[in-house]
Amino acid sequence: MPPLDSAKARAREAIQAADAELRELSLDIHAHPELNFEEHHAHALLTDYLEAKGFTVTRGACDLPTAFSAVAGSGSPTIAVLCEYDALPEIGHACGHNLIAASGVAAGLALKAALAPGEGTVLVLGTPAEEGGGGKIAMIERGAFDGVDAAMMLHPSAVDTAWANLIAIQRLEIDYYGRNAHAGAAPWMGVNALDALVMSYTAISALRQQLRPTDRVHGIFTQAGAKPNIIPDHTAAEYYVRAANIAQLRDVQARVQACFEGAATATGCTLDFRVAGYAYTEVVTNNVLAEAYCENMQQHFEVMLPTRAQSVGGLAGASTDMGNVTYEMPGIHPIFAIPTSAGNHTAGFTEAAATPEAHAAMLRASTALAMTALDLYHNPALLAAAKQEFMAIAR
């Protein structure tokens, strides 16, 4: 058997052998949902498991208590496979990060089993706080991806595609300050901060008519007053602004900011407008890697994924800090389908992410992902082509 075919056979066998353990990891994380940067249970579970499997594990990597790195193998190239494991408020693992955690571990196990000494290094990275905290971006800044030649991860949804249509996003925080007054006895003495918040909401709604179809602006009021007979002197909101790419995001953000500023002027309130946290870039899918992933799905599982031209763009309109990773190196973020009619970020998806069928879909996709990495380890020309494509794209 040719060396690459033999390596892929070992990778598949390693994932099959770990099937029950991977299922247990996934269900344990699913049963213990943890929010941004609070994923202590998942962190301990995953690092203990990887260490027991022979990886050299760094807990609390990059001075982030719930990040980790796990290394196996030696030599070049270095391929990173990523785990996510944070959950959402109230609805738990409604984006299936329990499956993403298990998939990163599965691919890591497969590559460790398949690589001979000196053939390359596998790096399993535990990346916390994807749901708004930007853990990957902090890890980029702190050197976690230094020396990595390519990065890969998977995400569950309702479709299969190698070309995830994941767009740029920025979080905004807004506070308006006015002046209290008795709403019945002396309303003319007040400066109504709720009026400012409502006016800004209305202005943004009007702005949507002039936004691109790929732009998104959505927000919630987090503070809107204390009692109906008190003119509110403080109100607050949180907004997300999204666009197809980071350049368009900056344009939309400026237009949204003008809506908040106009409402402050109209009502006499003071505005505190803050750009909060990291900007997530769009995911730039490396076509060389995506096509290799599709070939592995077809060859080893007889699954014909949509081509780039046919792709429906899994999770279209959603965002991830994996986009920032793809700005640093060749990367892919394939979407794998789990049986559900529910969309991501719903209670129905939380339930679907724990089913045996979802687990089976994750194992299949993880095997194909590991085989794609093995293509890079065994074929330097393929990795060179992926890097050449990466360098040719303007960012």
Protein backbone atom coordinates (compact mmCIF):
# COMPACT_ATOMS: atom_id res chain seq x y z
CA MET A 1 0.00 0.00 0.00
CA PRO A 2 1.39 3.45 -0.86
CA PRO A 3 2.55 5.42 2.20
CA LEU A 4 -0.26 7.98 1.98
CA ASP A 5 -2.95 5.32 1.65
CA SER A 6 -1.46 3.46 4.59
CA ALA A 7 -1.42 6.64 6.67
CA LYS A 8 -5.06 7.36 5.85
CA ALA A 9 -6.01 3.81 6.81
CA ARG A 10 -4.30 4.28 10.20
CA ALA A 11 -6.09 7.60 10.67
CA ARG A 12 -9.48 6.04 10.00
CA GLU A 13 -8.76 3.14 12.32
CA ALA A 14 -7.69 5.49 15.11
CA ILE A 15 -10.96 7.41 14.96
CA GLN A 16 -12.99 4.22 14.82
CA ALA A 17 -11.15 2.87 17.86
CA ALA A 18 -11.88 6.05 19.81
CA ASP A 19 -15.55 6.21 18.78
CA ALA A 20 -17.04 5.48 22.22
CA GLU A 21 -14.59 7.75 24.03
CA LEU A 22 -15.23 10.62 21.64
CA ARG A 23 -18.96 10.18 22.12
CA GLU A 24 -18.49 10.34 25.89
CA LEU A 25 -16.42 13.53 25.59
CA SER A 26 -19.04 15.17 23.40
CA LEU A 27 -21.95 14.26 25.66
CA ASP A 28 -20.09 15.35 28.80
CA ILE A 29 -19.39 18.79 27.31
CA HIS A 30 -22.98 18.99 26.06
CA ALA A 31 -24.27 18.25 29.56
CA HIS A 32 -22.08 20.96 31.12
CA PRO A 33 -22.55 24.10 28.97
CA GLU A 34 -20.13 26.91 29.84
CA LEU A 35 -20.00 30.48 28.58
CA ASN A 36 -17.13 32.55 27.13
CA PHE A 37 -13.85 32.05 28.99
CA GLU A 38 -15.64 29.99 31.66
CA GLU A 39 -15.14 26.59 29.99
CA HIS A 40 -13.22 25.05 32.90
CA HIS A 41 -14.98 21.68 32.83
CA ALA A 42 -14.47 21.24 29.08
CA HIS A 43 -10.86 22.42 29.35
CA ALA A 44 -10.04 19.86 32.04
CA LEU A 45 -11.89 17.09 30.23
CA LEU A 46 -10.17 17.64 26.89
CA THR A 47 -6.66 18.26 28.21
CA ASP A 48 -6.76 15.24 30.51
CA TYR A 49 -7.90 13.06 27.62
CA LEU A 50 -5.29 14.31 25.16
CA GLU A 51 -2.52 13.96 27.72
CA ALA A 52 -3.59 10.39 28.42
CA LYS A 53 -3.34 9.72 24.69
CA GLY A 54 0.30 10.82 24.60
CA PHE A 55 0.06 14.48 23.56
CA THR A 56 2.28 17.09 25.18
CA VAL A 57 -0.34 19.39 26.66
CA THR A 58 -0.09 23.02 27.75
CA ARG A 59 -3.04 24.02 29.92
CA GLY A 60 -4.05 27.65 30.12
CA ALA A 61 -2.16 28.40 26.91
CA CYS A 62 -1.49 32.04 25.96
CA ASP A 63 -2.38 33.15 29.50
CA LEU A 64 -6.01 32.21 28.81
CA PRO A 65 -7.14 29.85 31.59
CA THR A 66 -9.45 27.83 29.34
CA ALA A 67 -7.21 27.66 26.24
CA PHE A 68 -4.84 24.77 25.57
CA SER A 69 -2.37 23.38 23.09
CA ALA A 70 -1.60 19.70 22.58
CA VAL A 71 1.33 18.62 20.41
CA ALA A 72 2.31 15.30 18.86
CA GLY A 73 4.76 14.29 16.17
CA SER A 74 7.87 16.13 15.02
CA GLY A 75 9.27 17.99 12.08
CA SER A 76 7.58 20.03 9.38
CA PRO A 77 4.96 20.91 8.40
CA THR A 78 2.83 21.83 11.41
CA ILE A 79 -0.91 21.53 10.91
CA ALA A 80 -3.34 22.86 13.54
CA VAL A 81 -6.76 21.35 14.19
CA LEU A 82 -9.01 23.47 16.38
CA CYS A 83 -11.49 22.72 19.14
CA GLU A 84 -14.27 25.00 20.34
CA TYR A 85 -16.31 24.26 23.46
CA ASP A 86 -18.12 27.34 24.72
CA ALA A 87 -21.91 27.44 24.87
CA LEU A 88 -24.69 30.02 24.63
CA PRO A 89 -26.73 31.59 27.43
CA GLU A 90 -29.93 29.72 28.27
CA ILE A 91 -29.86 27.34 25.28
CA GLY A 92 -26.52 25.63 25.94
CA HIS A 93 -24.75 23.95 23.02
CA ALA A 94 -27.13 25.31 20.42
CA CYS A 95 -24.24 25.74 17.98
CA GLY A 96 -22.90 22.23 18.55
CA HIS A 97 -19.54 23.16 20.02
CA ASN A 98 -19.53 19.84 21.88
CA LEU A 99 -19.23 18.25 18.43
CA ILE A 100 -16.52 20.72 17.40
CA ALA A 101 -14.50 19.85 20.50
CA ALA A 102 -14.80 16.14 19.77
CA SER A 103 -13.93 16.65 16.10
CA GLY A 104 -10.69 18.47 16.90
CA VAL A 105 -9.68 15.69 19.28
CA ALA A 106 -10.67 13.03 16.73
CA ALA A 107 -8.58 14.59 13.97
CA GLY A 108 -5.67 15.00 16.38
CA LEU A 109 -5.81 11.34 17.39
CA ALA A 110 -5.98 10.29 13.74
CA LEU A 111 -2.95 12.36 12.75
CA LYS A 112 -0.91 11.21 15.74
CA ALA A 113 -1.58 7.60 14.76
CA ALA A 114 -0.86 8.18 11.07
CA LEU A 115 2.36 10.20 11.19
CA ALA A 116 5.75 8.54 11.41
CA PRO A 117 8.52 10.29 13.40
CA GLY A 118 9.77 13.34 11.54
CA GLU A 119 6.87 13.44 9.05
CA GLY A 120 5.31 16.46 10.68
CA THR A 121 3.77 17.98 13.78
CA VAL A 122 0.10 17.98 14.73
CA LEU A 123 -1.14 20.79 16.96
CA VAL A 124 -4.55 20.50 18.62
CA LEU A 125 -5.57 23.96 19.84
CA GLY A 126 -8.33 24.51 22.36
CA THR A 127 -9.81 27.89 21.49
CA PRO A 128 -12.24 29.35 24.06
CA ALA A 129 -14.91 32.00 23.69
CA GLU A 130 -15.84 31.78 20.02
CA GLU A 131 -19.32 33.05 20.87
CA GLY A 132 -18.29 36.68 21.09
CA GLY A 133 -15.07 36.60 23.09
CA GLY A 134 -12.62 36.17 20.22
CA GLY A 135 -10.42 33.55 21.88
CA LYS A 136 -8.66 32.67 18.63
CA ILE A 137 -7.76 36.31 18.02
CA ALA A 138 -6.18 36.60 21.46
CA MET A 139 -4.29 33.37 20.74
CA ILE A 140 -3.06 34.74 17.40
CA GLU A 141 -1.77 37.87 19.15
CA ARG A 142 -0.02 35.76 21.80
CA GLY A 143 1.78 33.45 19.39
CA ALA A 144 -0.28 30.24 19.46
CA PHE A 145 -0.27 30.03 15.66
CA ASP A 146 3.38 30.95 15.12
CA GLY A 147 5.02 28.41 12.82
CA VAL A 148 1.71 26.79 11.82
CA ASP A 149 1.48 26.01 8.10
CA ALA A 150 -2.29 25.48 7.86
CA ALA A 151 -5.29 25.40 10.21
CA MET A 152 -8.52 23.43 10.06
CA MET A 153 -11.72 22.98 12.00
CA LEU A 154 -15.28 21.74 11.50
CA HIS A 155 -18.71 23.07 12.42
CA PRO A 156 -22.12 21.37 12.51
CA SER A 157 -25.17 22.80 10.79
CA ALA A 158 -27.98 21.51 8.57
CA VAL A 159 -25.90 21.32 5.37
CA ASP A 160 -22.65 19.82 4.11
CA THR A 161 -20.19 22.19 2.45
CA ALA A 162 -16.48 22.88 2.38
CA TRP A 163 -17.09 26.59 1.70
CA ALA A 164 -18.55 28.22 4.80
CA ASN A 165 -20.12 31.61 4.07
CA LEU A 166 -19.11 33.22 7.37
CA ILE A 167 -18.92 37.00 7.42
CA ALA A 168 -17.24 39.78 9.41
CA ILE A 169 -18.70 41.09 12.67
CA GLN A 170 -18.11 43.80 15.27
CA ARG A 171 -19.87 44.17 18.64
CA LEU A 172 -20.94 47.63 19.80
CA GLU A 173 -21.99 48.88 23.24
CA ILE A 174 -24.13 51.99 23.61
CA ASP A 175 -25.13 54.07 26.65
CA TYR A 176 -27.30 57.18 26.64
CA TYR A 177 -27.34 59.57 29.60
CA GLY A 178 -30.11 62.08 30.21
CA ARG A 179 -31.80 63.52 33.32
CA ASN A 180 -34.44 62.07 35.64
CA ALA A 181 -37.77 63.80 36.22
CA HIS A 182 -41.24 62.86 37.40
CA ALA A 183 -42.95 61.65 34.23
CA GLY A 184 -46.34 62.88 35.39
CA ALA A 185 -45.62 65.98 37.50
CA ALA A 186 -42.73 67.57 35.64
CA PRO A 187 -41.78 65.71 32.42
CA TRP A 188 -40.40 68.95 30.92
CA MET A 189 -37.61 68.79 33.50
CA GLY A 190 -36.31 65.50 32.14
CA VAL A 191 -33.96 64.49 29.32
CA ASN A 192 -35.26 61.13 28.21
CA ALA A 193 -32.54 58.57 27.54
CA LEU A 194 -35.15 56.03 26.43
CA ASP A 195 -36.27 58.38 23.67
CA ALA A 196 -32.69 58.45 22.42
CA LEU A 197 -32.46 54.65 22.41
CA VAL A 198 -35.79 54.22 20.62
CA MET A 199 -34.92 56.92 18.09
CA SER A 200 -31.59 55.22 17.30
CA TYR A 201 -33.38 51.90 16.86
CA THR A 202 -35.80 53.51 14.43
CA ALA A 203 -32.99 55.24 12.53
CA ILE A 204 -31.15 51.93 12.11
CA SER A 205 -34.36 50.29 10.88
CA ALA A 206 -34.63 53.01 8.23
CA LEU A 207 -30.96 52.57 7.33
CA ARG A 208 -31.51 48.91 6.46
CA GLN A 209 -33.19 49.91 3.18
CA GLN A 210 -29.83 51.26 2.00
CA LEU A 211 -27.69 48.36 3.25
CA ARG A 212 -26.29 45.60 1.08
CA PRO A 213 -28.10 42.22 1.18
CA THR A 214 -25.04 40.79 2.93
CA ASP A 215 -25.03 43.45 5.69
CA ARG A 216 -26.58 42.74 9.08
CA VAL A 217 -27.37 45.04 12.00
CA HIS A 218 -29.12 43.63 15.06
CA GLY A 219 -29.26 44.58 18.71
CA ILE A 220 -31.02 44.42 22.05
CA PHE A 221 -31.86 46.93 24.77
CA THR A 222 -30.03 45.93 27.94
CA GLN A 223 -31.34 48.79 30.08
CA ALA A 224 -34.47 50.81 29.31
CA GLY A 225 -35.49 52.50 32.54
CA ALA A 226 -36.55 51.64 36.07
CA LYS A 227 -40.22 52.66 36.38
CA PRO A 228 -42.81 54.23 34.06
CA ASN A 229 -43.21 57.36 36.17
CA ILE A 230 -39.48 58.15 36.13
CA ILE A 231 -38.00 59.74 33.01
CA PRO A 232 -35.00 57.42 32.36
CA ASP A 233 -31.63 59.09 32.80
CA HIS A 234 -29.69 56.06 31.55
CA THR A 235 -30.38 53.46 28.88
CA ALA A 236 -28.11 50.93 27.20
CA ALA A 237 -27.97 48.59 24.22
CA GLU A 238 -25.72 46.02 22.63
CA TYR A 239 -25.50 45.68 18.85
CA TYR A 240 -23.79 43.45 16.32
CA VAL A 241 -22.82 44.82 12.92
CA ARG A 242 -21.94 42.34 10.16
CA ALA A 243 -20.81 42.58 6.55
CA ALA A 244 -19.41 40.32 3.86
CA ASN A 245 -15.85 41.41 4.58
CA ILE A 246 -13.93 43.56 7.02
CA ALA A 247 -13.72 46.58 4.70
CA GLN A 248 -17.49 46.68 4.20
CA LEU A 249 -17.94 46.15 7.94
CA ARG A 250 -16.11 49.39 8.72
CA ASP A 251 -18.39 51.28 6.33
CA VAL A 252 -21.59 49.87 7.89
CA GLN A 253 -20.25 50.49 11.39
CA ALA A 254 -19.69 54.17 10.63
CA ARG A 255 -23.22 54.55 9.29
CA VAL A 256 -24.69 52.83 12.33
CA GLN A 257 -22.66 55.04 14.65
CA ALA A 258 -24.15 58.09 12.91
CA CYS A 259 -27.62 56.82 13.82
CA PHE A 260 -26.68 56.70 17.50
CA GLU A 261 -25.06 60.13 17.35
CA GLY A 262 -28.08 61.66 15.61
CA ALA A 263 -30.44 60.34 18.29
CA ALA A 264 -28.26 61.87 21.00
CA THR A 265 -28.35 65.25 19.27
CA ALA A 266 -32.11 65.11 18.73
CA THR A 267 -32.93 64.30 22.36
CA GLY A 268 -30.22 66.26 24.16
CA CYS A 269 -28.70 63.13 25.65
CA THR A 270 -25.03 62.29 26.04
CA LEU A 271 -23.85 59.24 24.06
CA ASP A 272 -21.16 56.78 25.12
CA PHE A 273 -20.45 54.68 22.01
CA ARG A 274 -17.92 51.83 22.35
CA VAL A 275 -16.43 49.38 19.89
CA ALA A 276 -16.38 46.30 22.11
CA GLY A 277 -13.98 43.41 21.78
CA TYR A 278 -12.37 42.08 18.64
CA ALA A 279 -13.63 42.42 15.09
CA TYR A 280 -14.07 39.01 13.49
CA THR A 281 -13.04 38.94 9.83
CA GLU A 282 -14.83 36.90 7.20
CA VAL A 283 -13.64 33.31 6.68
CA VAL A 284 -11.36 33.13 3.65
CA THR A 285 -11.64 29.49 2.58
CA ASN A 286 -8.48 28.14 0.98
CA ASN A 287 -9.73 26.49 -2.21
CA VAL A 288 -6.79 24.07 -2.45
CA LEU A 289 -7.59 22.68 1.00
CA ALA A 290 -11.35 22.74 0.48
CA GLU A 291 -11.08 20.78 -2.75
CA ALA A 292 -8.83 18.21 -1.06
CA TYR A 293 -11.43 17.84 1.72
CA CYS A 294 -14.17 17.28 -0.88
CA GLU A 295 -12.05 14.65 -2.62
CA ASN A 296 -11.52 12.79 0.63
CA MET A 297 -15.25 12.85 1.42
CA GLN A 298 -16.00 11.47 -2.02
CA GLN A 299 -13.26 8.86 -2.13
CA HIS A 300 -13.63 7.47 1.38
CA PHE A 301 -17.31 8.05 2.16
CA GLU A 302 -18.92 8.34 -1.29
CA VAL A 303 -20.26 11.75 -0.29
CA MET A 304 -20.34 14.27 -3.11
CA LEU A 305 -20.16 17.73 -1.55
CA PRO A 306 -21.24 20.85 -3.45
CA THR A 307 -18.52 22.42 -5.54
CA ARG A 308 -17.40 25.94 -4.82
CA ALA A 309 -19.82 27.26 -7.46
CA GLN A 310 -22.69 25.11 -6.16
CA SER A 311 -22.08 25.65 -2.47
CA VAL A 312 -25.05 26.96 -0.52
CA GLY A 313 -22.66 28.51 1.98
CA GLY A 314 -23.26 26.83 5.30
CA LEU A 315 -24.23 29.15 8.17
CA ALA A 316 -24.59 32.01 5.67
CA GLY A 317 -24.59 35.30 7.55
CA ALA A 318 -23.05 33.90 10.73
CA SER A 319 -19.56 34.82 11.96
CA THR A 320 -16.59 33.21 13.69
CA ASP A 321 -13.13 34.14 14.93
CA MET A 322 -11.83 31.34 12.70
CA GLY A 323 -12.01 34.05 10.03
CA ASN A 324 -9.10 35.83 11.69
CA VAL A 325 -7.09 32.60 11.56
CA THR A 326 -7.68 32.38 7.81
CA TYR A 327 -6.20 35.88 7.51
CA GLU A 328 -2.96 34.51 8.99
CA MET A 329 -2.51 31.20 7.11
CA PRO A 330 -4.25 28.79 4.74
CA GLY A 331 -7.35 27.47 6.46
CA ILE A 332 -10.67 25.72 6.01
CA HIS A 333 -13.83 25.61 8.09
CA PRO A 334 -16.06 22.93 6.50
CA ILE A 335 -19.65 22.58 7.65
CA PHE A 336 -21.03 19.09 8.25
CA ALA A 337 -24.73 18.31 8.31
CA ILE A 338 -26.47 16.77 11.29
CA PRO A 339 -30.06 15.52 11.03
CA THR A 340 -32.23 18.41 12.18
CA SER A 341 -34.77 20.86 10.88
CA ALA A 342 -33.71 23.36 13.55
CA GLY A 343 -31.27 26.15 12.85
CA ASN A 344 -28.13 26.93 14.81
CA HIS A 345 -28.64 28.96 17.99
CA THR A 346 -32.02 27.38 18.72
CA ALA A 347 -33.12 24.93 21.40
CA GLY A 348 -33.87 22.38 18.70
CA PHE A 349 -30.24 22.42 17.57
CA THR A 350 -29.10 21.91 21.16
CA GLU A 351 -31.09 18.69 21.23
CA ALA A 352 -29.85 17.60 17.80
CA ALA A 353 -26.19 18.13 18.78
CA ALA A 354 -26.42 15.26 21.29
CA THR A 355 -27.91 12.62 18.99
CA PRO A 356 -26.07 9.49 17.79
CA GLU A 357 -26.64 10.63 14.21
CA ALA A 358 -24.85 13.93 14.86
CA HIS A 359 -21.96 12.03 16.41
CA ALA A 360 -21.71 9.76 13.36
CA ALA A 361 -21.67 12.78 11.03
CA MET A 362 -18.93 14.35 13.13
CA LEU A 363 -16.77 11.20 12.93
CA ARG A 364 -17.12 11.07 9.15
CA ALA A 365 -16.19 14.73 8.69
CA SER A 366 -13.32 14.48 11.20
CA THR A 367 -11.88 11.52 9.31
CA ALA A 368 -12.02 13.44 6.03
CA LEU A 369 -10.42 16.46 7.72
CA ALA A 370 -7.56 14.32 9.06
CA MET A 371 -7.07 12.80 5.62
CA THR A 372 -6.89 16.30 4.14
CA ALA A 373 -4.14 17.16 6.62
CA LEU A 374 -2.33 13.95 5.64
CA ASP A 375 -2.44 15.07 2.02
CA LEU A 376 -0.48 18.14 3.13
CA TYR A 377 2.03 16.15 5.18
CA HIS A 378 2.71 13.73 2.33
CA ASN A 379 2.50 16.11 -0.62
CA PRO A 380 4.67 19.23 -0.19
CA ALA A 381 3.49 20.54 -3.56
CA LEU A 382 -0.11 20.61 -2.32
CA LEU A 383 0.86 22.61 0.75
CA ALA A 384 2.92 24.94 -1.42
CA ALA A 385 -0.12 25.48 -3.67
CA ALA A 386 -2.29 26.27 -0.64
CA LYS A 387 0.27 28.80 0.58
CA GLN A 388 0.60 30.33 -2.87
CA GLU A 389 -3.16 30.85 -3.03
CA PHE A 390 -3.13 32.35 0.46
CA MET A 391 -0.41 34.83 -0.46
CA ALA A 392 -2.22 35.85 -3.66
CA ILE A 393 -5.39 36.99 -1.88
CA ALA A 394 -5.42 40.64 -0.90
CA ARG A 395 -6.46 41.30 2.71
